[in-house]
Protein backbone atom coordinates (compact mmCIF):
# COMPACT_ATOMS: atom_id res chain seq x y z
CA GLN A 1 9.93 -100.37 56.94
CA VAL A 2 9.95 -99.26 53.29
CA GLN A 3 12.71 -99.93 50.88
CA LEU A 4 13.12 -98.30 47.50
CA VAL A 5 15.37 -100.06 45.10
CA GLU A 6 16.58 -98.42 41.80
CA SER A 7 17.75 -100.31 38.63
CA GLY A 8 18.66 -99.56 35.11
CA GLY A 9 21.60 -97.28 35.36
CA GLY A 10 24.83 -97.39 33.53
CA LEU A 11 27.05 -95.90 30.98
CA VAL A 12 25.72 -94.48 27.72
CA GLN A 13 26.99 -92.33 24.90
CA ALA A 14 25.58 -88.84 24.45
CA GLY A 15 22.39 -89.04 22.48
CA GLY A 16 21.49 -92.41 23.84
CA SER A 17 18.80 -93.58 26.14
CA LEU A 18 18.40 -95.23 29.59
CA ARG A 19 15.43 -96.40 31.50
CA LEU A 20 15.59 -96.23 35.27
CA SER A 21 13.05 -98.08 37.55
CA CYS A 22 12.32 -97.85 41.10
CA ALA A 23 10.34 -100.54 43.09
CA ALA A 24 8.96 -99.76 46.63
CA SER A 25 8.62 -102.66 49.06
CA GLY A 26 7.49 -103.23 52.65
CA SER A 27 4.69 -102.08 54.71
CA ILE A 28 2.93 -99.79 52.24
CA SER A 29 -0.74 -98.55 52.53
CA ARG A 30 -0.31 -95.91 49.85
CA ILE A 31 2.16 -93.88 48.04
CA TYR A 32 1.67 -90.19 47.70
CA THR A 33 4.62 -88.85 45.83
CA MET A 34 7.22 -90.55 43.70
CA ALA A 35 10.11 -88.64 42.13
CA TRP A 36 13.60 -88.93 40.76
CA TYR A 37 16.35 -86.73 42.14
CA ARG A 38 19.88 -86.45 40.84
CA GLN A 39 23.24 -85.21 42.04
CA ALA A 40 26.01 -84.42 39.87
CA PRO A 41 29.67 -84.51 41.13
CA GLY A 42 30.30 -81.51 43.25
CA LYS A 43 26.67 -80.29 43.01
CA GLN A 44 23.66 -80.37 45.13
CA ARG A 45 20.90 -82.91 44.73
CA GLU A 46 18.14 -81.64 42.45
CA LEU A 47 14.72 -82.71 41.19
CA ALA A 48 14.89 -84.35 37.78
CA ALA A 49 11.24 -85.34 37.53
CA GLY A 50 8.46 -86.40 39.78
CA ILE A 51 4.73 -86.97 40.27
CA PHE A 52 3.34 -84.85 43.11
CA SER A 53 -0.22 -85.06 43.98
CA GLY A 54 -0.93 -86.43 40.58
CA ALA A 55 0.80 -83.72 38.75
CA ASN A 56 4.09 -84.19 36.82
CA ARG A 57 7.01 -81.84 37.42
CA SER A 58 10.29 -81.89 35.95
CA ALA A 59 13.54 -79.72 35.67
CA ASP A 60 13.73 -77.41 32.72
CA SER A 61 16.98 -79.15 31.63
CA VAL A 62 15.32 -82.41 31.19
CA ARG A 63 11.82 -81.43 29.93
CA ASP A 64 11.08 -83.02 26.55
CA ARG A 65 13.75 -85.54 27.02
CA PHE A 66 12.73 -87.39 30.21
CA THR A 67 9.47 -89.15 30.85
CA ILE A 68 8.29 -90.28 34.24
CA SER A 69 5.71 -92.90 34.63
CA ARG A 70 4.20 -94.75 37.71
CA ASP A 71 2.52 -98.03 38.13
CA ASN A 72 0.40 -97.77 41.30
CA SER A 73 -0.57 -101.46 41.14
CA LYS A 74 3.12 -102.41 41.48
CA ASN A 75 4.31 -99.58 43.70
CA SER A 76 6.89 -98.81 41.07
CA MET A 77 8.01 -95.81 38.96
CA SER A 78 10.24 -95.49 35.72
CA LEU A 79 12.11 -92.73 34.28
CA GLN A 80 12.64 -92.90 30.39
CA MET A 81 15.74 -90.82 29.56
CA ASN A 82 16.35 -89.95 25.98
CA SER A 83 18.71 -87.70 24.10
CA LEU A 84 21.05 -87.97 27.05
CA LYS A 85 23.77 -85.38 27.58
CA PRO A 86 27.01 -85.48 29.44
CA GLU A 87 25.55 -83.08 32.03
CA ASP A 88 23.01 -85.62 32.79
CA THR A 89 25.72 -87.64 34.47
CA GLY A 90 25.17 -88.21 38.17
CA VAL A 91 23.68 -90.44 40.85
CA TYR A 92 19.94 -90.77 40.49
CA TYR A 93 17.76 -91.33 43.59
CA CYS A 94 14.31 -92.65 43.88
CA TYR A 95 12.16 -90.76 46.38
CA ALA A 96 8.83 -91.48 47.76
CA VAL A 97 6.36 -90.32 50.35
CA VAL A 98 4.85 -93.62 51.66
CA VAL A 99 2.04 -94.17 54.02
CA SER A 100 2.27 -97.11 56.33
CA GLY A 101 0.77 -98.01 59.75
CA SER A 102 2.88 -95.21 61.42
CA GLY A 103 1.75 -92.66 58.89
CA PRO A 104 3.42 -90.89 55.95
CA ARG A 105 7.18 -90.94 55.73
CA ALA A 106 9.66 -90.00 53.17
CA ALA A 107 11.94 -92.67 51.83
CA TRP A 108 15.03 -92.66 49.58
CA GLY A 109 16.68 -95.35 47.45
CA GLN A 110 20.33 -95.94 47.66
CA GLY A 111 21.02 -94.25 44.24
CA ILE A 112 22.07 -95.53 40.90
CA GLN A 113 24.88 -94.20 38.80
CA VAL A 114 24.16 -92.77 35.37
CA THR A 115 27.21 -91.68 33.20
CA VAL A 116 26.84 -90.14 29.81
CA SER A 117 30.14 -90.03 27.76
CA SER A 118 30.68 -87.31 25.08
């Protein structure tokens, strides 16, 4: 079984920065994809930023403000969020496609709250 644990969320004023981290643990042979999704109140979950087959993708709304990075040696991922805006408020979820003994499976973290005040 694979677990994804997020950390680093919280409350910040508009214009501020936060750094989210996600650590994967359990029976892991390889991690294909790691990404951050977010869900604002009353809205659908959407991709914020991710690394898919080695290529970075991000939402237009966060480009040039959010930077995703990955440490394969530690099965971890970070999201540096700068120039935060109130519309960045939401629950941020770590997502990964993990290969274990039973094959590749998608996994989600429990989510972490990010609140940006105006």
